[in-house]
Amino acid sequence: MFEYLKGILVDKFSTQTGYYLVVEIHGVAYKVETSEIDYTQAQDVNSEVKIYTSLIHKEDTMFLCGFLAKETRDIFQILTSVSGVGTKMGLALLGKFDACNLISLVINEDYKELTLAKGVGTKLAQKIILELRDKLIKANIAPIKTDSSVIETQATQDTFSVLQSLGYEYDEIKSAINVVYEKLINQNDSEELLRECLKYLSM
């Protein structure tokens, strides 16, 4: 329903139940629940802000969750598609790990690190990795086509797969990889390549 909200951040506050940003657009104020990381990184009150949103519609309530980066919102939506992971759990995970770190933990099957997020036990962490890894790398992702302008390594293959699962087009991903690849300290580091590509694509 809403792709993003762009307006003035008129308030930000936290309660025992979560973290919130209030954005005013043409006289209408929208309260958006967010992660602890995005709450901390949000601009000062009375500055302009752009928040990528996800509309949560339950039987007895409707509210917005939002994030400062599109990829974080997209990961949140994929994350909450895992059975047993609700809105609060998704926000808790993205409040503990940024999108790139979370993707890296899933790809590397590091379930122990995931349990550092509030409310995530060992069994749920393993379930998240099992289901999310398939969604990020295998499920519903078109075959990767490569050409001579793209260096083909395990790191670039992993990055292509994850970025395609987040909805980026082939040409966008190719452009990002070609720009950032030569600047990497470790060109075989999938996490570093993914992080830098996400930064480039969000510019």
N, C-alpha and C. Protein backbone atom coordinates (compact mmCIF):
# COMPACT_ATOMS: atom_id res chain seq x y z
N MET A 1 0.82 -1.20 0.00
CA MET A 1 0.00 0.00 0.00
C MET A 1 0.86 1.26 0.00
N PHE A 2 1.85 1.32 0.90
CA PHE A 2 2.79 2.43 0.93
C PHE A 2 4.18 1.88 0.62
N GLU A 3 4.87 2.48 -0.35
CA GLU A 3 6.26 2.09 -0.64
C GLU A 3 7.20 2.79 0.35
N TYR A 4 7.00 4.08 0.50
CA TYR A 4 7.79 4.83 1.48
C TYR A 4 7.05 6.09 1.87
N LEU A 5 7.48 6.67 2.98
CA LEU A 5 6.99 7.96 3.44
C LEU A 5 8.16 8.94 3.42
N LYS A 6 7.94 10.12 2.87
CA LYS A 6 8.98 11.15 2.85
C LYS A 6 8.40 12.44 3.39
N GLY A 7 8.93 12.86 4.52
CA GLY A 7 8.38 14.07 5.15
C GLY A 7 9.29 14.54 6.27
N ILE A 8 8.71 15.22 7.23
CA ILE A 8 9.47 15.77 8.35
C ILE A 8 9.33 14.85 9.56
N LEU A 9 10.47 14.48 10.13
CA LEU A 9 10.46 13.68 11.35
C LEU A 9 10.11 14.61 12.51
N VAL A 10 8.89 14.50 13.01
CA VAL A 10 8.42 15.42 14.05
C VAL A 10 8.57 14.85 15.46
N ASP A 11 8.81 13.55 15.56
CA ASP A 11 9.00 12.95 16.89
C ASP A 11 9.64 11.58 16.73
N LYS A 12 10.38 11.16 17.74
CA LYS A 12 10.91 9.80 17.83
C LYS A 12 10.93 9.44 19.30
N PHE A 13 10.43 8.24 19.60
CA PHE A 13 10.35 7.85 21.00
C PHE A 13 10.38 6.34 21.12
N SER A 14 10.72 5.87 22.30
CA SER A 14 10.73 4.44 22.56
C SER A 14 9.89 4.15 23.79
N THR A 15 9.31 2.97 23.83
CA THR A 15 8.53 2.51 24.97
C THR A 15 9.00 1.10 25.32
N GLN A 16 8.36 0.49 26.28
CA GLN A 16 8.71 -0.89 26.62
C GLN A 16 8.37 -1.85 25.49
N THR A 17 7.49 -1.42 24.59
CA THR A 17 7.04 -2.31 23.51
C THR A 17 7.76 -2.09 22.19
N GLY A 18 8.52 -0.99 22.03
CA GLY A 18 9.19 -0.79 20.76
C GLY A 18 9.74 0.60 20.54
N TYR A 19 10.19 0.82 19.30
CA TYR A 19 10.80 2.08 18.89
C TYR A 19 9.95 2.69 17.78
N TYR A 20 9.76 4.02 17.84
CA TYR A 20 8.80 4.66 16.93
C TYR A 20 9.35 5.96 16.35
N LEU A 21 8.98 6.20 15.09
CA LEU A 21 9.26 7.46 14.41
C LEU A 21 7.93 8.03 13.96
N VAL A 22 7.78 9.35 14.06
CA VAL A 22 6.55 10.01 13.63
C VAL A 22 6.91 10.97 12.50
N VAL A 23 6.32 10.74 11.32
CA VAL A 23 6.63 11.52 10.13
C VAL A 23 5.40 12.31 9.71
N GLU A 24 5.56 13.61 9.54
CA GLU A 24 4.44 14.45 9.09
C GLU A 24 4.58 14.75 7.61
N ILE A 25 3.48 14.50 6.88
CA ILE A 25 3.43 14.75 5.45
C ILE A 25 2.15 15.52 5.15
N HIS A 26 2.28 16.75 4.72
CA HIS A 26 1.13 17.60 4.38
C HIS A 26 0.09 17.62 5.50
N GLY A 27 0.56 17.80 6.72
CA GLY A 27 -0.35 17.95 7.85
C GLY A 27 -0.85 16.66 8.46
N VAL A 28 -0.44 15.52 7.89
CA VAL A 28 -0.85 14.22 8.44
C VAL A 28 0.39 13.55 9.06
N ALA A 29 0.27 13.11 10.31
CA ALA A 29 1.40 12.47 11.00
C ALA A 29 1.22 10.96 11.00
N TYR A 30 2.25 10.26 10.57
CA TYR A 30 2.24 8.80 10.52
C TYR A 30 3.19 8.25 11.59
N LYS A 31 2.69 7.39 12.46
CA LYS A 31 3.53 6.74 13.46
C LYS A 31 4.02 5.42 12.87
N VAL A 32 5.33 5.24 12.87
CA VAL A 32 5.95 4.08 12.24
C VAL A 32 6.80 3.35 13.27
N GLU A 33 6.55 2.07 13.45
CA GLU A 33 7.38 1.29 14.35
C GLU A 33 8.64 0.85 13.60
N THR A 34 9.78 0.93 14.24
CA THR A 34 11.04 0.64 13.56
C THR A 34 11.95 -0.21 14.44
N SER A 35 13.12 -0.52 13.94
CA SER A 35 14.10 -1.29 14.71
C SER A 35 14.94 -0.35 15.57
N GLU A 36 15.61 -0.91 16.54
CA GLU A 36 16.47 -0.10 17.40
C GLU A 36 17.59 0.56 16.61
N ILE A 37 18.15 -0.16 15.64
CA ILE A 37 19.23 0.39 14.82
C ILE A 37 18.75 1.60 14.04
N ASP A 38 17.60 1.47 13.36
CA ASP A 38 17.10 2.59 12.56
C ASP A 38 16.63 3.74 13.44
N TYR A 39 16.10 3.42 14.60
CA TYR A 39 15.71 4.47 15.56
C TYR A 39 16.93 5.30 15.95
N THR A 40 18.03 4.62 16.21
CA THR A 40 19.26 5.30 16.62
C THR A 40 19.86 6.11 15.48
N GLN A 41 19.77 5.57 14.27
CA GLN A 41 20.39 6.23 13.12
C GLN A 41 19.52 7.30 12.48
N ALA A 42 18.26 7.38 12.87
CA ALA A 42 17.36 8.38 12.28
C ALA A 42 17.86 9.80 12.55
N GLN A 43 17.57 10.69 11.62
CA GLN A 43 17.99 12.08 11.76
C GLN A 43 17.34 12.74 12.97
N ASP A 44 17.83 13.91 13.31
CA ASP A 44 17.25 14.66 14.41
C ASP A 44 15.82 15.08 14.09
N VAL A 45 15.03 15.27 15.13
CA VAL A 45 13.66 15.75 14.95
C VAL A 45 13.67 17.08 14.20
N ASN A 46 12.66 17.25 13.33
CA ASN A 46 12.47 18.43 12.49
C ASN A 46 13.34 18.41 11.23
N SER A 47 13.96 17.27 10.94
CA SER A 47 14.69 17.11 9.69
C SER A 47 13.88 16.24 8.74
N GLU A 48 14.22 16.30 7.45
CA GLU A 48 13.51 15.49 6.46
C GLU A 48 13.98 14.04 6.55
N VAL A 49 13.06 13.12 6.38
CA VAL A 49 13.39 11.70 6.47
C VAL A 49 12.60 10.93 5.42
N LYS A 50 13.18 9.84 4.95
CA LYS A 50 12.51 8.94 4.02
C LYS A 50 12.51 7.56 4.65
N ILE A 51 11.33 6.98 4.82
CA ILE A 51 11.20 5.70 5.50
C ILE A 51 10.48 4.71 4.59
N TYR A 52 11.12 3.57 4.32
CA TYR A 52 10.51 2.51 3.51
C TYR A 52 9.63 1.67 4.42
N THR A 53 8.39 1.50 4.02
CA THR A 53 7.39 0.97 4.94
C THR A 53 6.85 -0.41 4.55
N SER A 54 6.32 -1.06 5.56
CA SER A 54 5.60 -2.32 5.39
C SER A 54 4.32 -2.22 6.21
N LEU A 55 3.18 -2.38 5.56
CA LEU A 55 1.89 -2.28 6.25
C LEU A 55 1.55 -3.62 6.88
N ILE A 56 1.36 -3.62 8.19
CA ILE A 56 1.00 -4.82 8.92
C ILE A 56 -0.50 -4.79 9.21
N HIS A 57 -1.21 -5.78 8.72
CA HIS A 57 -2.66 -5.82 8.88
C HIS A 57 -3.05 -7.11 9.59
N LYS A 58 -3.49 -6.98 10.82
CA LYS A 58 -3.95 -8.13 11.58
C LYS A 58 -5.45 -8.02 11.80
N GLU A 59 -6.03 -9.02 12.43
CA GLU A 59 -7.48 -9.05 12.60
C GLU A 59 -8.02 -7.82 13.31
N ASP A 60 -7.31 -7.38 14.35
CA ASP A 60 -7.85 -6.30 15.18
C ASP A 60 -7.03 -5.03 15.14
N THR A 61 -6.02 -4.96 14.25
CA THR A 61 -5.19 -3.76 14.21
C THR A 61 -4.49 -3.61 12.86
N MET A 62 -4.05 -2.39 12.59
CA MET A 62 -3.29 -2.10 11.38
C MET A 62 -2.25 -1.04 11.73
N PHE A 63 -1.00 -1.29 11.34
CA PHE A 63 0.04 -0.32 11.66
C PHE A 63 1.18 -0.44 10.65
N LEU A 64 2.07 0.56 10.69
CA LEU A 64 3.19 0.60 9.77
C LEU A 64 4.50 0.27 10.48
N CYS A 65 5.32 -0.54 9.83
CA CYS A 65 6.70 -0.70 10.24
C CYS A 65 7.54 -0.03 9.15
N GLY A 66 8.66 0.55 9.53
CA GLY A 66 9.45 1.27 8.54
C GLY A 66 10.93 1.27 8.84
N PHE A 67 11.71 1.49 7.77
CA PHE A 67 13.17 1.41 7.87
C PHE A 67 13.79 2.46 6.98
N LEU A 68 15.01 2.85 7.31
CA LEU A 68 15.68 3.91 6.57
C LEU A 68 16.21 3.44 5.22
N ALA A 69 16.36 2.13 5.03
CA ALA A 69 16.88 1.60 3.77
C ALA A 69 15.90 0.58 3.19
N LYS A 70 15.78 0.59 1.87
CA LYS A 70 14.86 -0.32 1.19
C LYS A 70 15.23 -1.77 1.45
N GLU A 71 16.54 -2.08 1.43
CA GLU A 71 16.93 -3.47 1.61
C GLU A 71 16.58 -3.99 3.00
N THR A 72 16.60 -3.10 4.00
CA THR A 72 16.22 -3.53 5.35
C THR A 72 14.73 -3.86 5.38
N ARG A 73 13.91 -3.02 4.74
CA ARG A 73 12.47 -3.30 4.66
C ARG A 73 12.21 -4.61 3.95
N ASP A 74 12.94 -4.84 2.86
CA ASP A 74 12.74 -6.07 2.08
C ASP A 74 13.14 -7.30 2.88
N ILE A 75 14.25 -7.20 3.62
CA ILE A 75 14.67 -8.32 4.47
C ILE A 75 13.64 -8.56 5.57
N PHE A 76 13.09 -7.49 6.12
CA PHE A 76 12.05 -7.62 7.15
C PHE A 76 10.86 -8.41 6.61
N GLN A 77 10.44 -8.10 5.38
CA GLN A 77 9.28 -8.78 4.80
C GLN A 77 9.58 -10.26 4.53
N ILE A 78 10.80 -10.55 4.08
CA ILE A 78 11.18 -11.94 3.87
C ILE A 78 11.27 -12.66 5.21
N LEU A 79 11.87 -11.97 6.18
CA LEU A 79 12.07 -12.56 7.51
C LEU A 79 10.74 -12.93 8.16
N THR A 80 9.76 -12.04 8.09
CA THR A 80 8.48 -12.29 8.73
C THR A 80 7.61 -13.27 7.96
N SER A 81 8.10 -13.72 6.80
CA SER A 81 7.39 -14.78 6.07
C SER A 81 7.75 -16.16 6.63
N VAL A 82 8.78 -16.20 7.48
CA VAL A 82 9.17 -17.46 8.12
C VAL A 82 8.18 -17.76 9.25
N SER A 83 7.62 -18.96 9.28
CA SER A 83 6.67 -19.31 10.32
C SER A 83 7.35 -19.23 11.68
N GLY A 84 6.68 -18.59 12.63
CA GLY A 84 7.24 -18.43 13.96
C GLY A 84 7.94 -17.11 14.16
N VAL A 85 8.13 -16.35 13.07
CA VAL A 85 8.75 -15.02 13.15
C VAL A 85 7.70 -13.96 12.88
N GLY A 86 7.26 -13.29 13.93
CA GLY A 86 6.27 -12.23 13.78
C GLY A 86 6.94 -10.88 13.64
N THR A 87 6.11 -9.84 13.68
CA THR A 87 6.60 -8.48 13.54
C THR A 87 7.63 -8.13 14.60
N LYS A 88 7.33 -8.41 15.86
CA LYS A 88 8.23 -8.06 16.95
C LYS A 88 9.56 -8.79 16.84
N MET A 89 9.51 -10.05 16.45
CA MET A 89 10.72 -10.82 16.31
C MET A 89 11.57 -10.29 15.15
N GLY A 90 10.91 -9.94 14.05
CA GLY A 90 11.62 -9.38 12.91
C GLY A 90 12.31 -8.08 13.27
N LEU A 91 11.60 -7.22 14.01
CA LEU A 91 12.18 -5.95 14.44
C LEU A 91 13.33 -6.18 15.43
N ALA A 92 13.18 -7.18 16.28
CA ALA A 92 14.24 -7.48 17.25
C ALA A 92 15.51 -7.94 16.54
N LEU A 93 15.36 -8.79 15.52
CA LEU A 93 16.51 -9.26 14.76
C LEU A 93 17.20 -8.12 14.02
N LEU A 94 16.39 -7.24 13.40
CA LEU A 94 16.96 -6.11 12.66
C LEU A 94 17.39 -4.99 13.59
N GLY A 95 17.03 -5.10 14.85
CA GLY A 95 17.53 -4.16 15.84
C GLY A 95 18.88 -4.60 16.40
N LYS A 96 19.16 -5.89 16.26
CA LYS A 96 20.44 -6.44 16.72
C LYS A 96 21.46 -6.50 15.60
N PHE A 97 21.00 -6.85 14.39
CA PHE A 97 21.90 -6.99 13.24
C PHE A 97 21.39 -6.13 12.09
N ASP A 98 22.29 -5.41 11.41
CA ASP A 98 21.82 -4.71 10.23
C ASP A 98 21.55 -5.73 9.12
N ALA A 99 20.92 -5.28 8.05
CA ALA A 99 20.47 -6.20 7.00
C ALA A 99 21.60 -7.03 6.45
N CYS A 100 22.75 -6.41 6.20
CA CYS A 100 23.87 -7.13 5.61
C CYS A 100 24.41 -8.18 6.57
N ASN A 101 24.55 -7.83 7.84
CA ASN A 101 25.04 -8.80 8.83
C ASN A 101 24.08 -9.97 8.97
N LEU A 102 22.78 -9.68 8.96
CA LEU A 102 21.79 -10.73 9.09
C LEU A 102 21.85 -11.69 7.92
N ILE A 103 21.97 -11.14 6.72
CA ILE A 103 22.09 -11.97 5.52
C ILE A 103 23.34 -12.85 5.62
N SER A 104 24.44 -12.25 6.07
CA SER A 104 25.69 -13.00 6.20
C SER A 104 25.56 -14.14 7.19
N LEU A 105 24.90 -13.90 8.32
CA LEU A 105 24.71 -14.94 9.33
C LEU A 105 23.88 -16.09 8.76
N VAL A 106 22.87 -15.75 7.98
CA VAL A 106 22.02 -16.78 7.40
C VAL A 106 22.79 -17.60 6.37
N ILE A 107 23.51 -16.91 5.49
CA ILE A 107 24.26 -17.61 4.45
C ILE A 107 25.33 -18.51 5.06
N ASN A 108 25.97 -18.02 6.13
CA ASN A 108 27.03 -18.79 6.79
C ASN A 108 26.49 -19.76 7.83
N GLU A 109 25.16 -19.81 7.99
CA GLU A 109 24.49 -20.73 8.91
C GLU A 109 24.98 -20.57 10.36
N ASP A 110 25.18 -19.33 10.76
CA ASP A 110 25.67 -19.04 12.11
C ASP A 110 24.48 -18.85 13.05
N TYR A 111 23.83 -19.94 13.45
CA TYR A 111 22.63 -19.84 14.27
C TYR A 111 22.95 -19.36 15.69
N LYS A 112 24.15 -19.64 16.18
CA LYS A 112 24.51 -19.22 17.53
C LYS A 112 24.51 -17.70 17.66
N GLU A 113 24.99 -17.02 16.64
CA GLU A 113 25.01 -15.55 16.67
C GLU A 113 23.59 -14.99 16.65
N LEU A 114 22.70 -15.65 15.89
CA LEU A 114 21.31 -15.19 15.82
C LEU A 114 20.63 -15.24 17.18
N THR A 115 21.03 -16.15 18.04
CA THR A 115 20.38 -16.27 19.35
C THR A 115 20.70 -15.10 20.26
N LEU A 116 21.60 -14.21 19.83
CA LEU A 116 21.89 -13.01 20.62
C LEU A 116 20.75 -12.00 20.54
N ALA A 117 19.88 -12.15 19.54
CA ALA A 117 18.71 -11.28 19.44
C ALA A 117 17.68 -11.68 20.48
N LYS A 118 17.01 -10.74 21.05
CA LYS A 118 16.04 -10.97 22.11
C LYS A 118 14.92 -11.91 21.64
N GLY A 119 14.69 -12.97 22.40
CA GLY A 119 13.59 -13.87 22.11
C GLY A 119 13.88 -14.96 21.11
N VAL A 120 15.12 -15.00 20.58
CA VAL A 120 15.47 -16.01 19.58
C VAL A 120 16.25 -17.14 20.24
N GLY A 121 15.62 -18.30 20.33
CA GLY A 121 16.28 -19.47 20.88
C GLY A 121 16.99 -20.27 19.78
N THR A 122 17.65 -21.31 20.19
CA THR A 122 18.43 -22.11 19.25
C THR A 122 17.57 -22.72 18.14
N LYS A 123 16.43 -23.32 18.52
CA LYS A 123 15.58 -23.97 17.53
C LYS A 123 15.04 -22.97 16.52
N LEU A 124 14.60 -21.79 17.01
CA LEU A 124 14.07 -20.78 16.09
C LEU A 124 15.18 -20.24 15.20
N ALA A 125 16.36 -20.03 15.75
CA ALA A 125 17.49 -19.54 14.95
C ALA A 125 17.81 -20.52 13.82
N GLN A 126 17.80 -21.81 14.12
CA GLN A 126 18.07 -22.82 13.10
C GLN A 126 16.96 -22.84 12.04
N LYS A 127 15.73 -22.64 12.49
CA LYS A 127 14.60 -22.61 11.55
C LYS A 127 14.68 -21.40 10.64
N ILE A 128 15.03 -20.25 11.22
CA ILE A 128 15.18 -19.02 10.43
C ILE A 128 16.24 -19.23 9.35
N ILE A 129 17.36 -19.80 9.72
CA ILE A 129 18.44 -20.03 8.76
C ILE A 129 18.00 -20.99 7.67
N LEU A 130 17.34 -22.08 8.05
CA LEU A 130 16.90 -23.08 7.08
C LEU A 130 15.96 -22.48 6.05
N GLU A 131 14.96 -21.73 6.51
CA GLU A 131 13.97 -21.17 5.60
C GLU A 131 14.48 -19.94 4.86
N LEU A 132 15.20 -19.06 5.56
CA LEU A 132 15.67 -17.83 4.93
C LEU A 132 16.76 -18.10 3.90
N ARG A 133 17.61 -19.05 4.19
CA ARG A 133 18.71 -19.34 3.25
C ARG A 133 18.14 -19.76 1.88
N ASP A 134 17.12 -20.59 1.93
CA ASP A 134 16.48 -20.99 0.68
C ASP A 134 15.84 -19.80 -0.03
N LYS A 135 15.20 -18.93 0.74
CA LYS A 135 14.53 -17.77 0.15
C LYS A 135 15.54 -16.80 -0.46
N LEU A 136 16.69 -16.64 0.20
CA LEU A 136 17.68 -15.66 -0.26
C LEU A 136 18.53 -16.18 -1.41
N ILE A 137 18.81 -17.47 -1.43
CA ILE A 137 19.75 -17.99 -2.42
C ILE A 137 19.10 -18.83 -3.50
N LYS A 138 18.03 -19.57 -3.15
CA LYS A 138 17.48 -20.54 -4.09
C LYS A 138 16.08 -20.19 -4.58
N ALA A 139 15.19 -19.84 -3.67
CA ALA A 139 13.77 -19.76 -4.01
C ALA A 139 13.43 -18.56 -4.88
N ASN A 140 12.72 -18.84 -5.97
CA ASN A 140 12.14 -17.80 -6.81
C ASN A 140 13.17 -16.81 -7.33
N ILE A 141 14.37 -17.27 -7.59
CA ILE A 141 15.41 -16.40 -8.14
C ILE A 141 15.74 -16.87 -9.54
N ALA A 142 15.70 -15.95 -10.48
CA ALA A 142 15.99 -16.32 -11.87
C ALA A 142 17.45 -16.74 -12.00
N PRO A 143 17.73 -17.64 -12.92
CA PRO A 143 19.12 -18.04 -13.13
C PRO A 143 19.99 -16.82 -13.42
N ILE A 144 21.20 -16.83 -12.88
CA ILE A 144 22.09 -15.69 -13.05
C ILE A 144 22.77 -15.78 -14.40
N LYS A 145 22.63 -14.75 -15.18
CA LYS A 145 23.33 -14.70 -16.46
C LYS A 145 24.57 -13.83 -16.27
N THR A 146 25.66 -14.28 -16.75
CA THR A 146 26.89 -13.52 -16.60
C THR A 146 27.45 -13.18 -17.96
N ASP A 147 28.29 -12.17 -18.00
CA ASP A 147 28.95 -11.82 -19.24
C ASP A 147 30.38 -11.41 -18.91
N SER A 148 31.15 -11.11 -19.93
CA SER A 148 32.58 -10.87 -19.72
C SER A 148 32.85 -9.63 -18.88
N SER A 149 31.85 -8.77 -18.68
CA SER A 149 32.08 -7.55 -17.92
C SER A 149 31.93 -7.77 -16.42
N VAL A 150 31.53 -8.99 -16.01
CA VAL A 150 31.37 -9.30 -14.60
C VAL A 150 32.35 -10.40 -14.21
N ILE A 151 33.16 -10.13 -13.18
CA ILE A 151 34.09 -11.13 -12.68
C ILE A 151 33.29 -12.19 -11.94
N GLU A 152 33.44 -13.45 -12.32
CA GLU A 152 32.64 -14.52 -11.73
C GLU A 152 33.42 -15.24 -10.64
N THR A 153 33.05 -14.99 -9.41
CA THR A 153 33.62 -15.66 -8.25
C THR A 153 32.48 -16.11 -7.35
N GLN A 154 32.79 -16.87 -6.30
CA GLN A 154 31.75 -17.27 -5.36
C GLN A 154 31.13 -16.06 -4.70
N ALA A 155 31.95 -15.05 -4.42
CA ALA A 155 31.45 -13.83 -3.78
C ALA A 155 30.46 -13.09 -4.68
N THR A 156 30.78 -12.99 -5.97
CA THR A 156 29.85 -12.28 -6.88
C THR A 156 28.59 -13.11 -7.10
N GLN A 157 28.72 -14.43 -7.14
CA GLN A 157 27.54 -15.30 -7.30
C GLN A 157 26.61 -15.15 -6.09
N ASP A 158 27.18 -15.18 -4.89
CA ASP A 158 26.38 -15.02 -3.67
C ASP A 158 25.68 -13.66 -3.67
N THR A 159 26.42 -12.63 -4.06
CA THR A 159 25.88 -11.28 -4.06
C THR A 159 24.76 -11.14 -5.07
N PHE A 160 24.94 -11.71 -6.28
CA PHE A 160 23.88 -11.70 -7.29
C PHE A 160 22.62 -12.35 -6.73
N SER A 161 22.77 -13.52 -6.13
CA SER A 161 21.61 -14.27 -5.64
C SER A 161 20.83 -13.48 -4.60
N VAL A 162 21.54 -12.93 -3.62
CA VAL A 162 20.87 -12.21 -2.55
C VAL A 162 20.21 -10.94 -3.08
N LEU A 163 20.91 -10.18 -3.91
CA LEU A 163 20.34 -8.93 -4.42
C LEU A 163 19.15 -9.19 -5.35
N GLN A 164 19.20 -10.27 -6.10
CA GLN A 164 18.04 -10.61 -6.94
C GLN A 164 16.84 -10.96 -6.06
N SER A 165 17.08 -11.65 -4.95
CA SER A 165 15.98 -12.00 -4.06
C SER A 165 15.37 -10.77 -3.41
N LEU A 166 16.15 -9.68 -3.36
CA LEU A 166 15.65 -8.42 -2.80
C LEU A 166 14.97 -7.55 -3.86
N GLY A 167 14.93 -8.04 -5.09
CA GLY A 167 14.18 -7.34 -6.12
C GLY A 167 15.01 -6.47 -7.06
N TYR A 168 16.33 -6.46 -6.92
CA TYR A 168 17.16 -5.66 -7.81
C TYR A 168 17.31 -6.34 -9.16
N GLU A 169 17.38 -5.54 -10.22
CA GLU A 169 17.50 -6.06 -11.57
C GLU A 169 18.95 -6.43 -11.88
N TYR A 170 19.11 -7.30 -12.87
CA TYR A 170 20.44 -7.78 -13.24
C TYR A 170 21.39 -6.62 -13.55
N ASP A 171 20.94 -5.67 -14.38
CA ASP A 171 21.81 -4.57 -14.78
C ASP A 171 22.21 -3.70 -13.59
N GLU A 172 21.30 -3.53 -12.63
CA GLU A 172 21.62 -2.76 -11.42
C GLU A 172 22.72 -3.46 -10.63
N ILE A 173 22.58 -4.77 -10.48
CA ILE A 173 23.55 -5.54 -9.69
C ILE A 173 24.90 -5.55 -10.41
N LYS A 174 24.89 -5.76 -11.72
CA LYS A 174 26.14 -5.78 -12.48
C LYS A 174 26.88 -4.45 -12.34
N SER A 175 26.13 -3.37 -12.45
CA SER A 175 26.74 -2.04 -12.32
C SER A 175 27.36 -1.85 -10.94
N ALA A 176 26.62 -2.27 -9.90
CA ALA A 176 27.13 -2.12 -8.53
C ALA A 176 28.41 -2.92 -8.33
N ILE A 177 28.41 -4.17 -8.78
CA ILE A 177 29.59 -5.03 -8.61
C ILE A 177 30.79 -4.45 -9.36
N ASN A 178 30.56 -3.99 -10.58
CA ASN A 178 31.67 -3.44 -11.37
C ASN A 178 32.27 -2.20 -10.74
N VAL A 179 31.44 -1.42 -10.04
CA VAL A 179 31.92 -0.20 -9.40
C VAL A 179 32.72 -0.50 -8.14
N VAL A 180 32.20 -1.43 -7.32
CA VAL A 180 32.80 -1.61 -5.98
C VAL A 180 33.85 -2.72 -5.92
N TYR A 181 33.84 -3.64 -6.87
CA TYR A 181 34.67 -4.84 -6.74
C TYR A 181 36.16 -4.52 -6.59
N GLU A 182 36.67 -3.64 -7.45
CA GLU A 182 38.09 -3.35 -7.43
C GLU A 182 38.52 -2.59 -6.18
N LYS A 183 37.56 -2.00 -5.45
CA LYS A 183 37.88 -1.21 -4.26
C LYS A 183 37.93 -2.07 -2.99
N LEU A 184 37.54 -3.35 -3.12
CA LEU A 184 37.46 -4.20 -1.94
C LEU A 184 38.84 -4.57 -1.41
N ILE A 185 38.93 -4.64 -0.10
CA ILE A 185 40.16 -5.10 0.53
C ILE A 185 40.34 -6.59 0.29
N ASN A 186 39.26 -7.34 0.47
CA ASN A 186 39.28 -8.78 0.22
C ASN A 186 38.20 -9.09 -0.81
N GLN A 187 38.60 -9.34 -2.04
CA GLN A 187 37.64 -9.54 -3.11
C GLN A 187 36.92 -10.87 -3.04
N ASN A 188 37.37 -11.76 -2.16
CA ASN A 188 36.69 -13.04 -1.98
C ASN A 188 35.71 -13.03 -0.81
N ASP A 189 35.55 -11.87 -0.19
CA ASP A 189 34.69 -11.74 0.98
C ASP A 189 33.27 -11.39 0.52
N SER A 190 32.36 -12.38 0.56
CA SER A 190 30.99 -12.17 0.11
C SER A 190 30.29 -11.08 0.92
N GLU A 191 30.52 -11.08 2.23
CA GLU A 191 29.86 -10.10 3.09
C GLU A 191 30.29 -8.68 2.75
N GLU A 192 31.58 -8.48 2.53
CA GLU A 192 32.08 -7.14 2.21
C GLU A 192 31.53 -6.68 0.86
N LEU A 193 31.52 -7.57 -0.11
CA LEU A 193 31.01 -7.22 -1.44
C LEU A 193 29.53 -6.88 -1.36
N LEU A 194 28.76 -7.68 -0.64
CA LEU A 194 27.33 -7.43 -0.50
C LEU A 194 27.09 -6.09 0.20
N ARG A 195 27.82 -5.84 1.26
CA ARG A 195 27.64 -4.60 2.01
C ARG A 195 27.90 -3.38 1.12
N GLU A 196 29.00 -3.42 0.37
CA GLU A 196 29.35 -2.27 -0.47
C GLU A 196 28.37 -2.10 -1.63
N CYS A 197 27.86 -3.22 -2.17
CA CYS A 197 26.86 -3.13 -3.24
C CYS A 197 25.56 -2.53 -2.72
N LEU A 198 25.15 -2.93 -1.52
CA LEU A 198 23.94 -2.37 -0.93
C LEU A 198 24.09 -0.87 -0.71
N LYS A 199 25.26 -0.45 -0.27
CA LYS A 199 25.52 0.99 -0.09
C LYS A 199 25.40 1.72 -1.43
N TYR A 200 26.00 1.14 -2.47
CA TYR A 200 25.96 1.75 -3.79
C TYR A 200 24.53 1.83 -4.33
N LEU A 201 23.78 0.76 -4.17
CA LEU A 201 22.41 0.71 -4.71
C LEU A 201 21.45 1.61 -3.95
N SER A 202 21.77 1.94 -2.71
CA SER A 202 20.89 2.80 -1.92
C SER A 202 21.19 4.28 -2.09
N MET A 203 22.24 4.60 -2.86
CA MET A 203 22.62 6.00 -3.06
C MET A 203 21.60 6.71 -3.94
